[in-house]
Amino acid sequence: METTITATELARNLSDVLNRARYKGETFIVERNGEPVAKIEPPPQPGITLRELAALLAELPPLDDKFANDLDKARSILRDSALPKWPN
């Protein structure tokens, strides 16, 4: 959502405008004498979207039988390894 405000409104409500940008994702166009002079918007969020993650996963090569065999081997090693027993 983009809201146009005057520089005077910004000066009077700076804390509210900043909070609305940060926590509600709102964008403000600041005008002085009817001319746009600034834009206040939320900062970019770190990380990637689920759509970007799906696109990255789709680019990976398919898993082969060797990978499945490696997993089975790792599971058997972990299952067969004896955990230390608590003393009685």
C-alpha atoms as a PDB file:
ATOM      1  CA  MET A   1       0.000   0.000   0.000  1.00  0.00           C
ATOM      2  CA  GLU A   2       1.426   3.389  -0.983  1.00  0.00           C
ATOM      3  CA  THR A   3       0.346   6.540   0.856  1.00  0.00           C
ATOM      4  CA  THR A   4       1.224  10.110  -0.096  1.00  0.00           C
ATOM      5  CA  ILE A   5       1.951  12.456   2.807  1.00  0.00           C
ATOM      6  CA  THR A   6       3.321  15.961   3.077  1.00  0.00           C
ATOM      7  CA  ALA A   7       6.679  16.763   4.641  1.00  0.00           C
ATOM      8  CA  THR A   8       4.785  18.510   7.453  1.00  0.00           C
ATOM      9  CA  GLU A   9       2.699  15.375   8.138  1.00  0.00           C
ATOM     10  CA  LEU A  10       5.893  13.345   8.178  1.00  0.00           C
ATOM     11  CA  ALA A  11       7.524  15.721  10.664  1.00  0.00           C
ATOM     12  CA  ARG A  12       4.482  15.525  12.974  1.00  0.00           C
ATOM     13  CA  ASN A  13       4.079  11.740  12.713  1.00  0.00           C
ATOM     14  CA  LEU A  14       7.589  10.430  12.051  1.00  0.00           C
ATOM     15  CA  SER A  15       7.498   7.645  14.639  1.00  0.00           C
ATOM     16  CA  ASP A  16       4.099   6.401  13.434  1.00  0.00           C
ATOM     17  CA  VAL A  17       5.175   6.500   9.767  1.00  0.00           C
ATOM     18  CA  LEU A  18       8.370   4.570  10.510  1.00  0.00           C
ATOM     19  CA  ASN A  19       6.478   1.974  12.556  1.00  0.00           C
ATOM     20  CA  ARG A  20       3.888   1.508   9.817  1.00  0.00           C
ATOM     21  CA  ALA A  21       6.642   1.064   7.239  1.00  0.00           C
ATOM     22  CA  ARG A  22       8.591  -1.403   9.366  1.00  0.00           C
ATOM     23  CA  TYR A  23       5.821  -3.475  10.940  1.00  0.00           C
ATOM     24  CA  LYS A  24       2.949  -3.179   8.468  1.00  0.00           C
ATOM     25  CA  GLY A  25       4.958  -3.021   5.249  1.00  0.00           C
ATOM     26  CA  GLU A  26       3.466   0.312   4.142  1.00  0.00           C
ATOM     27  CA  THR A  27       5.188   2.661   1.700  1.00  0.00           C
ATOM     28  CA  PHE A  28       4.994   6.460   1.873  1.00  0.00           C
ATOM     29  CA  ILE A  29       5.698   9.070  -0.779  1.00  0.00           C
ATOM     30  CA  VAL A  30       6.682  12.342   0.896  1.00  0.00           C
ATOM     31  CA  GLU A  31       5.745  15.528  -0.965  1.00  0.00           C
ATOM     32  CA  ARG A  32       6.894  19.087  -0.499  1.00  0.00           C
ATOM     33  CA  ASN A  33       4.914  21.795  -2.311  1.00  0.00           C
ATOM     34  CA  GLY A  34       3.075  19.065  -4.226  1.00  0.00           C
ATOM     35  CA  GLU A  35       6.286  17.492  -5.579  1.00  0.00           C
ATOM     36  CA  PRO A  36       7.517  14.056  -4.489  1.00  0.00           C
ATOM     37  CA  VAL A  37      10.818  14.389  -2.627  1.00  0.00           C
ATOM     38  CA  ALA A  38      11.261  11.074  -0.820  1.00  0.00           C
ATOM     39  CA  LYS A  39      10.000   7.542  -0.476  1.00  0.00           C
ATOM     40  CA  ILE A  40       9.843   5.665   2.811  1.00  0.00           C
ATOM     41  CA  GLU A  41       9.451   1.919   2.504  1.00  0.00           C
ATOM     42  CA  PRO A  42      10.187  -1.209   4.540  1.00  0.00           C
ATOM     43  CA  PRO A  43      13.740  -2.544   4.399  1.00  0.00           C
ATOM     44  CA  PRO A  44      14.354  -5.636   2.274  1.00  0.00           C
ATOM     45  CA  GLN A  45      13.900  -8.842   4.206  1.00  0.00           C
ATOM     46  CA  PRO A  46      16.802 -11.293   4.396  1.00  0.00           C
ATOM     47  CA  GLY A  47      16.452 -14.762   2.959  1.00  0.00           C
ATOM     48  CA  ILE A  48      14.490 -16.121   0.058  1.00  0.00           C
ATOM     49  CA  THR A  49      10.835 -16.733  -0.653  1.00  0.00           C
ATOM     50  CA  LEU A  50       9.310 -20.193  -0.910  1.00  0.00           C
ATOM     51  CA  ARG A  51       8.904 -19.655  -4.646  1.00  0.00           C
ATOM     52  CA  GLU A  52      12.646 -18.910  -4.959  1.00  0.00           C
ATOM     53  CA  LEU A  53      13.479 -21.988  -2.858  1.00  0.00           C
ATOM     54  CA  ALA A  54      11.271 -24.177  -5.056  1.00  0.00           C
ATOM     55  CA  ALA A  55      13.004 -22.833  -8.170  1.00  0.00           C
ATOM     56  CA  LEU A  56      16.434 -23.590  -6.685  1.00  0.00           C
ATOM     57  CA  LEU A  57      15.402 -27.122  -5.702  1.00  0.00           C
ATOM     58  CA  ALA A  58      13.993 -27.741  -9.180  1.00  0.00           C
ATOM     59  CA  GLU A  59      17.441 -26.978 -10.650  1.00  0.00           C
ATOM     60  CA  LEU A  60      19.192 -29.672  -8.588  1.00  0.00           C
ATOM     61  CA  PRO A  61      20.127 -32.881 -10.372  1.00  0.00           C
ATOM     62  CA  PRO A  62      17.973 -35.909  -9.509  1.00  0.00           C
ATOM     63  CA  LEU A  63      19.188 -38.253  -6.798  1.00  0.00           C
ATOM     64  CA  ASP A  64      20.614 -41.557  -8.001  1.00  0.00           C
ATOM     65  CA  ASP A  65      20.837 -45.040  -6.509  1.00  0.00           C
ATOM     66  CA  LYS A  66      24.326 -44.328  -5.165  1.00  0.00           C
ATOM     67  CA  PHE A  67      22.904 -41.618  -2.913  1.00  0.00           C
ATOM     68  CA  ALA A  68      20.217 -43.991  -1.592  1.00  0.00           C
ATOM     69  CA  ASN A  69      22.897 -46.631  -0.916  1.00  0.00           C
ATOM     70  CA  ASP A  70      25.001 -44.068   0.965  1.00  0.00           C
ATOM     71  CA  LEU A  71      22.002 -43.191   3.144  1.00  0.00           C
ATOM     72  CA  ASP A  72      21.300 -46.844   3.896  1.00  0.00           C
ATOM     73  CA  LYS A  73      24.954 -47.388   4.838  1.00  0.00           C
ATOM     74  CA  ALA A  74      24.968 -44.332   7.134  1.00  0.00           C
ATOM     75  CA  ARG A  75      21.752 -45.524   8.826  1.00  0.00           C
ATOM     76  CA  SER A  76      23.163 -48.986   9.434  1.00  0.00           C
ATOM     77  CA  ILE A  77      26.387 -47.570  10.902  1.00  0.00           C
ATOM     78  CA  LEU A  78      24.405 -45.346  13.263  1.00  0.00           C
ATOM     79  CA  ARG A  79      22.011 -48.150  14.189  1.00  0.00           C
ATOM     80  CA  ASP A  80      24.851 -50.634  14.785  1.00  0.00           C
ATOM     81  CA  SER A  81      27.020 -48.313  16.825  1.00  0.00           C
ATOM     82  CA  ALA A  82      26.663 -49.118  20.475  1.00  0.00           C
ATOM     83  CA  LEU A  83      25.755 -46.218  22.682  1.00  0.00           C
ATOM     84  CA  PRO A  84      27.520 -46.090  26.018  1.00  0.00           C
ATOM     85  CA  LYS A  85      25.396 -47.594  28.754  1.00  0.00           C
ATOM     86  CA  TRP A  86      24.635 -45.840  31.988  1.00  0.00           C
ATOM     87  CA  PRO A  87      26.240 -47.472  34.985  1.00  0.00           C
ATOM     88  CA  ASN A  88      23.840 -49.455  37.205  1.00  0.00           C
END
